[in-house]
Amino acid sequence: MASYVAEYFGAGRSTSRLIEEHNARLFAAQQRLRRGPTIEVYFPRRIDNSRLVKAPDMVRLHEMRLFTAACVVFFTLVMVYGWQHFSSIELGYRVEAKRQQLEQLREENHQLRLTQAELAQPERIDALARQMGMDVVRPDQVVRVGDSISDAVPVMAQSAAPPLIASGGR
């Protein structure tokens, strides 16, 4: 320890210079321990490649064009498959919607036929006619197209054309 102190503070060197030498020796020892027994040497390369022109590689250019063409064909096939797939799904949804609409229209048609049958009942029509003050048709109220008009039956209007039916009937 005494030699270390003498070396550290002696030999006419300044304190800062001694500290720098000591740190340099420690740093060198640490580097030797890290990299092992080999010494690394670096040589700077001062090469200027700015004037060099690369020759075109025709084989590589052909390979790149072939690869690009294969990728385009593959991408096109994938897109066509996707388009068909999604079109078929959309078409399935449309068919199902039309099927539901058809079923709904059939049910509505059935309901309308039931309503028509209910409204066309003779008893109902007769009851509504009686509520409106209508009465059963008398035989002398009906004028058939082939019949001649008698003077005994009152006529509301007369024209030169053949007589019309005065009131609904057969």
N, C-alpha and C. Protein backbone atom coordinates (compact mmCIF):
# COMPACT_ATOMS: atom_id res chain seq x y z
N MET A 1 0.81 -1.17 0.00
CA MET A 1 0.00 0.00 0.00
C MET A 1 0.87 1.25 0.00
N ALA A 2 1.93 1.20 0.69
CA ALA A 2 2.82 2.35 0.75
C ALA A 2 3.42 2.63 -0.62
N SER A 3 3.74 1.56 -1.36
CA SER A 3 4.29 1.77 -2.69
C SER A 3 3.23 2.38 -3.62
N TYR A 4 2.04 1.99 -3.40
CA TYR A 4 0.96 2.52 -4.21
C TYR A 4 0.79 4.00 -3.95
N VAL A 5 0.84 4.37 -2.70
CA VAL A 5 0.70 5.78 -2.32
C VAL A 5 1.89 6.56 -2.85
N ALA A 6 3.08 5.99 -2.74
CA ALA A 6 4.27 6.68 -3.24
C ALA A 6 4.18 6.83 -4.75
N GLU A 7 3.71 5.79 -5.39
CA GLU A 7 3.58 5.87 -6.84
C GLU A 7 2.50 6.87 -7.22
N TYR A 8 1.45 6.88 -6.44
CA TYR A 8 0.33 7.75 -6.73
C TYR A 8 0.70 9.22 -6.55
N PHE A 9 1.40 9.50 -5.49
CA PHE A 9 1.72 10.90 -5.19
C PHE A 9 3.14 11.30 -5.54
N GLY A 10 3.92 10.39 -6.02
CA GLY A 10 5.34 10.69 -6.22
C GLY A 10 5.72 10.88 -7.66
N ALA A 11 7.01 10.87 -7.84
CA ALA A 11 7.69 10.92 -9.13
C ALA A 11 7.46 12.23 -9.85
N GLY A 12 7.12 13.27 -9.20
CA GLY A 12 7.05 14.59 -9.77
C GLY A 12 5.89 14.82 -10.72
N ARG A 13 4.94 13.92 -10.75
CA ARG A 13 3.80 14.14 -11.64
C ARG A 13 2.67 14.82 -10.87
N SER A 14 1.81 15.48 -11.64
CA SER A 14 0.69 16.15 -10.99
C SER A 14 -0.37 15.13 -10.60
N THR A 15 -1.20 15.53 -9.72
CA THR A 15 -2.22 14.62 -9.18
C THR A 15 -3.22 14.24 -10.27
N SER A 16 -3.61 15.17 -11.07
CA SER A 16 -4.59 14.85 -12.12
C SER A 16 -4.01 13.91 -13.14
N ARG A 17 -2.73 14.06 -13.45
CA ARG A 17 -2.05 13.18 -14.40
C ARG A 17 -1.97 11.77 -13.85
N LEU A 18 -1.68 11.64 -12.57
CA LEU A 18 -1.62 10.32 -11.94
C LEU A 18 -2.99 9.63 -11.95
N ILE A 19 -4.03 10.41 -11.70
CA ILE A 19 -5.39 9.83 -11.68
C ILE A 19 -5.77 9.35 -13.09
N GLU A 20 -5.40 10.11 -14.13
CA GLU A 20 -5.70 9.72 -15.50
C GLU A 20 -4.99 8.43 -15.88
N GLU A 21 -3.71 8.31 -15.49
CA GLU A 21 -2.96 7.09 -15.79
C GLU A 21 -3.57 5.89 -15.09
N HIS A 22 -3.93 6.08 -13.84
CA HIS A 22 -4.53 4.99 -13.07
C HIS A 22 -5.86 4.55 -13.71
N ASN A 23 -6.69 5.50 -14.10
CA ASN A 23 -7.98 5.16 -14.75
C ASN A 23 -7.77 4.47 -16.09
N ALA A 24 -6.76 4.89 -16.84
CA ALA A 24 -6.47 4.26 -18.12
C ALA A 24 -6.05 2.82 -17.94
N ARG A 25 -5.20 2.56 -16.91
CA ARG A 25 -4.79 1.16 -16.65
C ARG A 25 -5.98 0.30 -16.24
N LEU A 26 -6.87 0.83 -15.40
CA LEU A 26 -8.06 0.07 -15.01
C LEU A 26 -8.98 -0.20 -16.21
N PHE A 27 -9.16 0.79 -17.05
CA PHE A 27 -10.00 0.63 -18.23
C PHE A 27 -9.45 -0.42 -19.20
N ALA A 28 -8.14 -0.40 -19.40
CA ALA A 28 -7.49 -1.38 -20.28
C ALA A 28 -7.64 -2.78 -19.71
N ALA A 29 -7.50 -2.92 -18.40
CA ALA A 29 -7.66 -4.25 -17.77
C ALA A 29 -9.09 -4.75 -17.92
N GLN A 30 -10.05 -3.86 -17.76
CA GLN A 30 -11.45 -4.26 -17.91
C GLN A 30 -11.74 -4.69 -19.34
N GLN A 31 -11.20 -3.98 -20.33
CA GLN A 31 -11.42 -4.35 -21.73
C GLN A 31 -10.80 -5.69 -22.05
N ARG A 32 -9.59 -5.94 -21.52
CA ARG A 32 -8.96 -7.23 -21.76
C ARG A 32 -9.78 -8.37 -21.18
N LEU A 33 -10.36 -8.14 -20.02
CA LEU A 33 -11.19 -9.18 -19.41
C LEU A 33 -12.47 -9.42 -20.21
N ARG A 34 -13.03 -8.38 -20.79
CA ARG A 34 -14.27 -8.51 -21.55
C ARG A 34 -14.07 -9.24 -22.87
N ARG A 35 -13.08 -8.90 -23.64
CA ARG A 35 -12.93 -9.46 -24.98
C ARG A 35 -12.07 -10.71 -25.02
N GLY A 36 -11.44 -11.04 -23.99
CA GLY A 36 -10.63 -12.25 -23.99
C GLY A 36 -9.21 -11.96 -24.43
N PRO A 37 -8.48 -12.99 -24.84
CA PRO A 37 -7.07 -12.82 -25.16
C PRO A 37 -6.80 -12.16 -26.52
N THR A 38 -7.83 -12.06 -27.40
CA THR A 38 -7.58 -11.49 -28.73
C THR A 38 -7.62 -9.98 -28.69
N ILE A 39 -6.91 -9.39 -29.56
CA ILE A 39 -6.87 -7.94 -29.67
C ILE A 39 -7.66 -7.53 -30.89
N GLU A 40 -8.56 -6.57 -30.73
CA GLU A 40 -9.36 -6.12 -31.86
C GLU A 40 -8.65 -4.99 -32.55
N VAL A 41 -8.57 -5.09 -33.87
CA VAL A 41 -7.91 -4.07 -34.66
C VAL A 41 -8.91 -3.59 -35.70
N TYR A 42 -9.06 -2.30 -35.82
CA TYR A 42 -9.96 -1.70 -36.79
C TYR A 42 -9.16 -0.90 -37.80
N PHE A 43 -9.42 -1.15 -39.08
CA PHE A 43 -8.76 -0.40 -40.14
C PHE A 43 -9.80 0.48 -40.81
N PRO A 44 -9.55 1.75 -40.90
CA PRO A 44 -10.51 2.62 -41.60
C PRO A 44 -10.46 2.36 -43.10
N ARG A 45 -11.63 2.32 -43.74
CA ARG A 45 -11.70 2.09 -45.18
C ARG A 45 -12.08 3.40 -45.84
N ARG A 46 -11.24 3.85 -46.69
CA ARG A 46 -11.53 5.07 -47.42
C ARG A 46 -11.66 4.72 -48.91
N ILE A 47 -12.86 4.20 -49.25
CA ILE A 47 -13.11 3.78 -50.62
C ILE A 47 -14.26 4.64 -51.15
N ASP A 48 -14.11 5.19 -52.31
CA ASP A 48 -15.13 6.03 -52.94
C ASP A 48 -15.78 5.24 -54.07
N ASN A 49 -17.04 4.81 -53.84
CA ASN A 49 -17.78 4.03 -54.84
C ASN A 49 -18.77 4.88 -55.62
N SER A 50 -18.68 6.18 -55.53
CA SER A 50 -19.67 7.04 -56.16
C SER A 50 -19.59 7.01 -57.68
N ARG A 51 -18.48 6.67 -58.27
CA ARG A 51 -18.35 6.65 -59.72
C ARG A 51 -18.64 5.28 -60.32
N LEU A 52 -18.91 4.30 -59.48
CA LEU A 52 -19.19 2.96 -60.00
C LEU A 52 -20.61 2.89 -60.53
N VAL A 53 -20.85 2.17 -61.61
CA VAL A 53 -22.16 1.95 -62.19
C VAL A 53 -22.43 0.45 -62.14
N LYS A 54 -23.57 0.11 -61.54
CA LYS A 54 -23.90 -1.31 -61.40
C LYS A 54 -24.44 -1.85 -62.72
N ALA A 55 -23.93 -2.97 -63.14
CA ALA A 55 -24.37 -3.60 -64.39
C ALA A 55 -25.71 -4.28 -64.13
N PRO A 56 -26.68 -4.17 -65.05
CA PRO A 56 -27.98 -4.81 -64.82
C PRO A 56 -27.86 -6.33 -64.85
N ASP A 57 -28.50 -6.95 -63.90
CA ASP A 57 -28.51 -8.41 -63.81
C ASP A 57 -29.79 -8.89 -64.50
N MET A 58 -29.68 -9.37 -65.69
CA MET A 58 -30.84 -9.75 -66.50
C MET A 58 -31.57 -10.96 -65.91
N VAL A 59 -30.84 -11.89 -65.33
CA VAL A 59 -31.47 -13.08 -64.75
C VAL A 59 -32.33 -12.68 -63.55
N ARG A 60 -31.78 -11.83 -62.69
CA ARG A 60 -32.55 -11.36 -61.52
C ARG A 60 -33.75 -10.53 -61.96
N LEU A 61 -33.58 -9.69 -62.98
CA LEU A 61 -34.68 -8.89 -63.50
C LEU A 61 -35.80 -9.80 -64.02
N HIS A 62 -35.44 -10.86 -64.74
CA HIS A 62 -36.42 -11.82 -65.24
C HIS A 62 -37.13 -12.52 -64.07
N GLU A 63 -36.38 -12.91 -63.06
CA GLU A 63 -36.97 -13.57 -61.89
C GLU A 63 -37.94 -12.64 -61.16
N MET A 64 -37.57 -11.37 -61.03
CA MET A 64 -38.44 -10.41 -60.34
C MET A 64 -39.73 -10.17 -61.13
N ARG A 65 -39.63 -10.10 -62.46
CA ARG A 65 -40.83 -9.93 -63.28
C ARG A 65 -41.73 -11.16 -63.19
N LEU A 66 -41.13 -12.33 -63.20
CA LEU A 66 -41.89 -13.57 -63.08
C LEU A 66 -42.59 -13.65 -61.72
N PHE A 67 -41.86 -13.28 -60.68
CA PHE A 67 -42.42 -13.28 -59.33
C PHE A 67 -43.58 -12.28 -59.23
N THR A 68 -43.40 -11.09 -59.82
CA THR A 68 -44.45 -10.08 -59.79
C THR A 68 -45.69 -10.57 -60.54
N ALA A 69 -45.49 -11.19 -61.68
CA ALA A 69 -46.61 -11.72 -62.46
C ALA A 69 -47.34 -12.81 -61.67
N ALA A 70 -46.59 -13.68 -61.00
CA ALA A 70 -47.21 -14.74 -60.19
C ALA A 70 -48.01 -14.13 -59.04
N CYS A 71 -47.47 -13.09 -58.42
CA CYS A 71 -48.19 -12.43 -57.32
C CYS A 71 -49.47 -11.77 -57.82
N VAL A 72 -49.41 -11.15 -58.99
CA VAL A 72 -50.60 -10.51 -59.56
C VAL A 72 -51.66 -11.56 -59.87
N VAL A 73 -51.27 -12.68 -60.47
CA VAL A 73 -52.22 -13.74 -60.78
C VAL A 73 -52.83 -14.30 -59.50
N PHE A 74 -52.01 -14.54 -58.51
CA PHE A 74 -52.50 -15.07 -57.22
C PHE A 74 -53.47 -14.08 -56.57
N PHE A 75 -53.10 -12.82 -56.55
CA PHE A 75 -53.95 -11.79 -55.95
C PHE A 75 -55.29 -11.70 -56.70
N THR A 76 -55.24 -11.79 -58.04
CA THR A 76 -56.46 -11.74 -58.83
C THR A 76 -57.36 -12.93 -58.52
N LEU A 77 -56.77 -14.12 -58.42
CA LEU A 77 -57.56 -15.31 -58.10
C LEU A 77 -58.21 -15.19 -56.72
N VAL A 78 -57.45 -14.69 -55.76
CA VAL A 78 -58.00 -14.52 -54.41
C VAL A 78 -59.15 -13.52 -54.42
N MET A 79 -58.98 -12.43 -55.17
CA MET A 79 -60.04 -11.41 -55.22
C MET A 79 -61.29 -11.96 -55.93
N VAL A 80 -61.11 -12.73 -56.99
CA VAL A 80 -62.26 -13.31 -57.70
C VAL A 80 -62.98 -14.30 -56.77
N TYR A 81 -62.22 -15.13 -56.07
CA TYR A 81 -62.83 -16.06 -55.13
C TYR A 81 -63.60 -15.30 -54.05
N GLY A 82 -62.99 -14.26 -53.50
CA GLY A 82 -63.67 -13.48 -52.46
C GLY A 82 -64.93 -12.83 -52.99
N TRP A 83 -64.85 -12.29 -54.22
CA TRP A 83 -66.02 -11.65 -54.81
C TRP A 83 -67.15 -12.66 -55.00
N GLN A 84 -66.83 -13.86 -55.51
CA GLN A 84 -67.85 -14.89 -55.69
C GLN A 84 -68.43 -15.33 -54.34
N HIS A 85 -67.57 -15.49 -53.38
CA HIS A 85 -68.03 -15.95 -52.06
C HIS A 85 -69.00 -14.94 -51.46
N PHE A 86 -68.62 -13.68 -51.44
CA PHE A 86 -69.47 -12.67 -50.83
C PHE A 86 -70.72 -12.42 -51.68
N SER A 87 -70.62 -12.57 -52.99
CA SER A 87 -71.80 -12.44 -53.84
C SER A 87 -72.79 -13.57 -53.55
N SER A 88 -72.29 -14.78 -53.35
CA SER A 88 -73.20 -15.89 -53.04
C SER A 88 -73.86 -15.69 -51.68
N ILE A 89 -73.12 -15.16 -50.73
CA ILE A 89 -73.73 -14.89 -49.42
C ILE A 89 -74.80 -13.81 -49.56
N GLU A 90 -74.50 -12.75 -50.30
CA GLU A 90 -75.48 -11.68 -50.50
C GLU A 90 -76.71 -12.20 -51.24
N LEU A 91 -76.50 -13.05 -52.24
CA LEU A 91 -77.60 -13.63 -52.99
C LEU A 91 -78.46 -14.51 -52.07
N GLY A 92 -77.82 -15.26 -51.19
CA GLY A 92 -78.57 -16.07 -50.22
C GLY A 92 -79.46 -15.20 -49.33
N TYR A 93 -78.93 -14.06 -48.88
CA TYR A 93 -79.73 -13.14 -48.07
C TYR A 93 -80.91 -12.59 -48.87
N ARG A 94 -80.67 -12.26 -50.15
CA ARG A 94 -81.76 -11.75 -50.99
C ARG A 94 -82.84 -12.81 -51.19
N VAL A 95 -82.42 -14.06 -51.47
CA VAL A 95 -83.39 -15.14 -51.66
C VAL A 95 -84.22 -15.34 -50.40
N GLU A 96 -83.57 -15.32 -49.26
CA GLU A 96 -84.30 -15.50 -48.00
C GLU A 96 -85.26 -14.35 -47.75
N ALA A 97 -84.86 -13.12 -48.08
CA ALA A 97 -85.75 -11.97 -47.92
C ALA A 97 -86.95 -12.09 -48.85
N LYS A 98 -86.72 -12.52 -50.10
CA LYS A 98 -87.83 -12.70 -51.04
C LYS A 98 -88.76 -13.82 -50.59
N ARG A 99 -88.18 -14.88 -50.02
CA ARG A 99 -88.99 -15.99 -49.52
C ARG A 99 -89.88 -15.52 -48.36
N GLN A 100 -89.33 -14.72 -47.47
CA GLN A 100 -90.12 -14.18 -46.37
C GLN A 100 -91.20 -13.23 -46.89
N GLN A 101 -90.84 -12.42 -47.90
CA GLN A 101 -91.82 -11.51 -48.48
C GLN A 101 -92.95 -12.30 -49.14
N LEU A 102 -92.62 -13.38 -49.86
CA LEU A 102 -93.63 -14.22 -50.50
C LEU A 102 -94.56 -14.84 -49.45
N GLU A 103 -93.98 -15.33 -48.37
CA GLU A 103 -94.79 -15.92 -47.30
C GLU A 103 -95.71 -14.88 -46.67
N GLN A 104 -95.19 -13.67 -46.51
CA GLN A 104 -95.99 -12.58 -45.94
C GLN A 104 -97.13 -12.22 -46.90
N LEU A 105 -96.84 -12.16 -48.19
CA LEU A 105 -97.89 -11.85 -49.17
C LEU A 105 -98.93 -12.96 -49.25
N ARG A 106 -98.52 -14.20 -49.13
CA ARG A 106 -99.48 -15.31 -49.11
C ARG A 106 -100.41 -15.22 -47.90
N GLU A 107 -99.82 -14.87 -46.76
CA GLU A 107 -100.64 -14.73 -45.55
C GLU A 107 -101.61 -13.55 -45.70
N GLU A 108 -101.12 -12.45 -46.28
CA GLU A 108 -101.99 -11.29 -46.51
C GLU A 108 -103.10 -11.64 -47.50
N ASN A 109 -102.78 -12.39 -48.55
CA ASN A 109 -103.78 -12.83 -49.52
C ASN A 109 -104.83 -13.71 -48.85
N HIS A 110 -104.39 -14.60 -47.99
CA HIS A 110 -105.31 -15.47 -47.26
C HIS A 110 -106.25 -14.63 -46.39
N GLN A 111 -105.69 -13.64 -45.68
CA GLN A 111 -106.51 -12.78 -44.83
C GLN A 111 -107.52 -11.98 -45.67
N LEU A 112 -107.07 -11.48 -46.83
CA LEU A 112 -107.98 -10.73 -47.69
C LEU A 112 -109.10 -11.60 -48.24
N ARG A 113 -108.79 -12.85 -48.58
CA ARG A 113 -109.83 -13.76 -49.06
C ARG A 113 -110.84 -14.07 -47.97
N LEU A 114 -110.34 -14.21 -46.73
CA LEU A 114 -111.26 -14.43 -45.61
C LEU A 114 -112.15 -13.22 -45.41
N THR A 115 -111.57 -12.03 -45.49
CA THR A 115 -112.35 -10.80 -45.33
C THR A 115 -113.37 -10.67 -46.45
N GLN A 116 -112.95 -11.00 -47.69
CA GLN A 116 -113.86 -10.93 -48.83
C GLN A 116 -115.03 -11.90 -48.63
N ALA A 117 -114.72 -13.11 -48.19
CA ALA A 117 -115.78 -14.09 -47.96
C ALA A 117 -116.72 -13.63 -46.86
N GLU A 118 -116.19 -13.01 -45.84
CA GLU A 118 -117.01 -12.52 -44.73
C GLU A 118 -117.91 -11.36 -45.19
N LEU A 119 -117.32 -10.46 -46.01
CA LEU A 119 -118.10 -9.31 -46.46
C LEU A 119 -119.12 -9.68 -47.54
N ALA A 120 -118.90 -10.75 -48.26
CA ALA A 120 -119.79 -11.14 -49.34
C ALA A 120 -120.93 -12.06 -48.89
N GLN A 121 -121.12 -12.26 -47.63
CA GLN A 121 -122.21 -13.11 -47.14
C GLN A 121 -123.55 -12.44 -47.45
N PRO A 122 -124.47 -13.18 -48.07
CA PRO A 122 -125.77 -12.58 -48.43
C PRO A 122 -126.55 -12.06 -47.23
N GLU A 123 -126.48 -12.75 -46.11
CA GLU A 123 -127.22 -12.31 -44.92
C GLU A 123 -126.71 -10.95 -44.45
N ARG A 124 -125.42 -10.74 -44.48
CA ARG A 124 -124.83 -9.48 -44.05
C ARG A 124 -125.24 -8.35 -44.99
N ILE A 125 -125.16 -8.63 -46.31
CA ILE A 125 -125.53 -7.62 -47.29
C ILE A 125 -127.01 -7.26 -47.15
N ASP A 126 -127.86 -8.25 -46.92
CA ASP A 126 -129.29 -8.02 -46.74
C ASP A 126 -129.54 -7.17 -45.50
N ALA A 127 -128.83 -7.47 -44.43
CA ALA A 127 -129.01 -6.69 -43.18
C ALA A 127 -128.56 -5.25 -43.39
N LEU A 128 -127.45 -5.03 -44.07
CA LEU A 128 -126.98 -3.66 -44.32
C LEU A 128 -127.95 -2.91 -45.22
N ALA A 129 -128.52 -3.60 -46.23
CA ALA A 129 -129.49 -2.96 -47.13
C ALA A 129 -130.74 -2.55 -46.37
N ARG A 130 -131.22 -3.38 -45.47
CA ARG A 130 -132.40 -3.05 -44.68
C ARG A 130 -132.11 -1.87 -43.75
N GLN A 131 -130.88 -1.79 -43.20
CA GLN A 131 -130.51 -0.65 -42.34
C GLN A 131 -130.52 0.65 -43.14
N MET A 132 -130.20 0.58 -44.42
CA MET A 132 -130.16 1.77 -45.27
C MET A 132 -131.54 2.11 -45.84
N GLY A 133 -132.51 1.31 -45.51
CA GLY A 133 -133.87 1.60 -45.97
C GLY A 133 -134.22 0.93 -47.28
N MET A 134 -133.47 0.04 -47.73
CA MET A 134 -133.76 -0.67 -48.98
C MET A 134 -134.70 -1.83 -48.68
N ASP A 135 -135.40 -2.22 -49.72
CA ASP A 135 -136.37 -3.30 -49.54
C ASP A 135 -136.11 -4.35 -50.60
N VAL A 136 -136.78 -5.46 -50.51
CA VAL A 136 -136.63 -6.54 -51.46
C VAL A 136 -137.15 -6.06 -52.82
N VAL A 137 -136.55 -6.45 -53.88
CA VAL A 137 -136.91 -6.04 -55.22
C VAL A 137 -138.23 -6.71 -55.61
N ARG A 138 -139.13 -5.89 -56.09
CA ARG A 138 -140.40 -6.44 -56.58
C ARG A 138 -140.21 -6.82 -58.03
N PRO A 139 -140.99 -7.79 -58.50
CA PRO A 139 -140.83 -8.24 -59.88
C PRO A 139 -141.12 -7.15 -60.91
N ASP A 140 -141.98 -6.20 -60.61
CA ASP A 140 -142.28 -5.17 -61.59
C ASP A 140 -141.20 -4.09 -61.65
N GLN A 141 -140.22 -4.12 -60.73
CA GLN A 141 -139.12 -3.15 -60.74
C GLN A 141 -137.99 -3.59 -61.66
N VAL A 142 -137.97 -4.85 -62.05
CA VAL A 142 -136.88 -5.37 -62.86
C VAL A 142 -137.25 -5.29 -64.32
N VAL A 143 -136.40 -4.69 -65.11
CA VAL A 143 -136.61 -4.59 -66.54
C VAL A 143 -135.49 -5.34 -67.21
N ARG A 144 -135.87 -6.32 -68.01
CA ARG A 144 -134.85 -7.08 -68.71
C ARG A 144 -134.65 -6.46 -70.07
N VAL A 145 -133.49 -6.65 -70.66
CA VAL A 145 -133.12 -5.99 -71.90
C VAL A 145 -134.04 -6.39 -73.05
N GLY A 146 -134.43 -7.59 -73.13
CA GLY A 146 -135.27 -8.05 -74.25
C GLY A 146 -136.73 -7.71 -74.04
N ASP A 147 -137.18 -7.30 -72.90
CA ASP A 147 -138.60 -7.02 -72.61
C ASP A 147 -139.01 -5.65 -73.15
N SER A 148 -140.26 -5.55 -73.45
CA SER A 148 -140.79 -4.24 -73.84
C SER A 148 -141.31 -3.55 -72.59
N ILE A 149 -141.31 -2.27 -72.63
CA ILE A 149 -141.74 -1.51 -71.45
C ILE A 149 -143.26 -1.32 -71.56
N SER A 150 -143.91 -1.68 -70.50
CA SER A 150 -145.36 -1.49 -70.49
C SER A 150 -145.68 -0.11 -69.95
N ASP A 151 -146.84 0.37 -70.31
CA ASP A 151 -147.23 1.70 -69.86
C ASP A 151 -147.72 1.68 -68.42
N ALA A 152 -147.97 0.51 -67.89
CA ALA A 152 -148.50 0.42 -66.53
C ALA A 152 -147.41 0.65 -65.49
N VAL A 153 -146.20 0.42 -65.90
CA VAL A 153 -145.09 0.58 -64.93
C VAL A 153 -144.56 2.00 -65.06
N PRO A 154 -144.41 2.71 -63.96
CA PRO A 154 -143.87 4.06 -64.04
C PRO A 154 -142.40 4.03 -64.47
N VAL A 155 -142.01 4.95 -65.35
CA VAL A 155 -140.66 5.02 -65.86
C VAL A 155 -140.10 6.39 -65.50
N MET A 156 -138.89 6.41 -65.03
CA MET A 156 -138.30 7.68 -64.60
C MET A 156 -137.75 8.45 -65.78
N ALA A 157 -137.11 7.78 -66.71
CA ALA A 157 -136.55 8.46 -67.87
C ALA A 157 -136.62 7.53 -69.04
N GLN A 158 -136.72 8.10 -70.23
CA GLN A 158 -136.83 7.27 -71.40
C GLN A 158 -135.92 7.85 -72.46
N SER A 159 -135.24 6.96 -73.19
CA SER A 159 -134.37 7.39 -74.25
C SER A 159 -134.67 6.58 -75.48
N ALA A 160 -134.05 6.98 -76.63
CA ALA A 160 -134.29 6.26 -77.86
C ALA A 160 -133.55 4.92 -77.87
N ALA A 161 -132.56 4.79 -77.00
CA ALA A 161 -131.81 3.54 -76.91
C ALA A 161 -132.64 2.51 -76.23
N PRO A 162 -132.24 1.21 -76.34
CA PRO A 162 -133.01 0.17 -75.65
C PRO A 162 -133.02 0.45 -74.15
N PRO A 163 -134.06 0.05 -73.47
CA PRO A 163 -134.18 0.34 -72.03
C PRO A 163 -133.10 -0.38 -71.22
N LEU A 164 -132.68 0.29 -70.16
CA LEU A 164 -131.68 -0.26 -69.24
C LEU A 164 -132.37 -0.84 -68.03
N ILE A 165 -131.61 -1.58 -67.26
CA ILE A 165 -132.16 -2.17 -66.04
C ILE A 165 -132.33 -1.03 -65.03
N ALA A 166 -133.48 -0.90 -64.47
CA ALA A 166 -133.76 0.21 -63.55
C ALA A 166 -133.11 -0.02 -62.20
N SER A 167 -133.07 -1.22 -61.76
CA SER A 167 -132.51 -1.52 -60.44
C SER A 167 -131.74 -2.80 -60.55
N GLY A 168 -130.75 -3.00 -59.65
CA GLY A 168 -129.92 -4.19 -59.71
C GLY A 168 -130.73 -5.45 -59.61
N GLY A 169 -130.32 -6.49 -60.25
CA GLY A 169 -131.01 -7.78 -60.23
C GLY A 169 -130.38 -8.66 -61.28
N ARG A 170 -131.18 -9.64 -61.75
CA ARG A 170 -130.66 -10.55 -62.75
C ARG A 170 -130.75 -10.03 -64.11
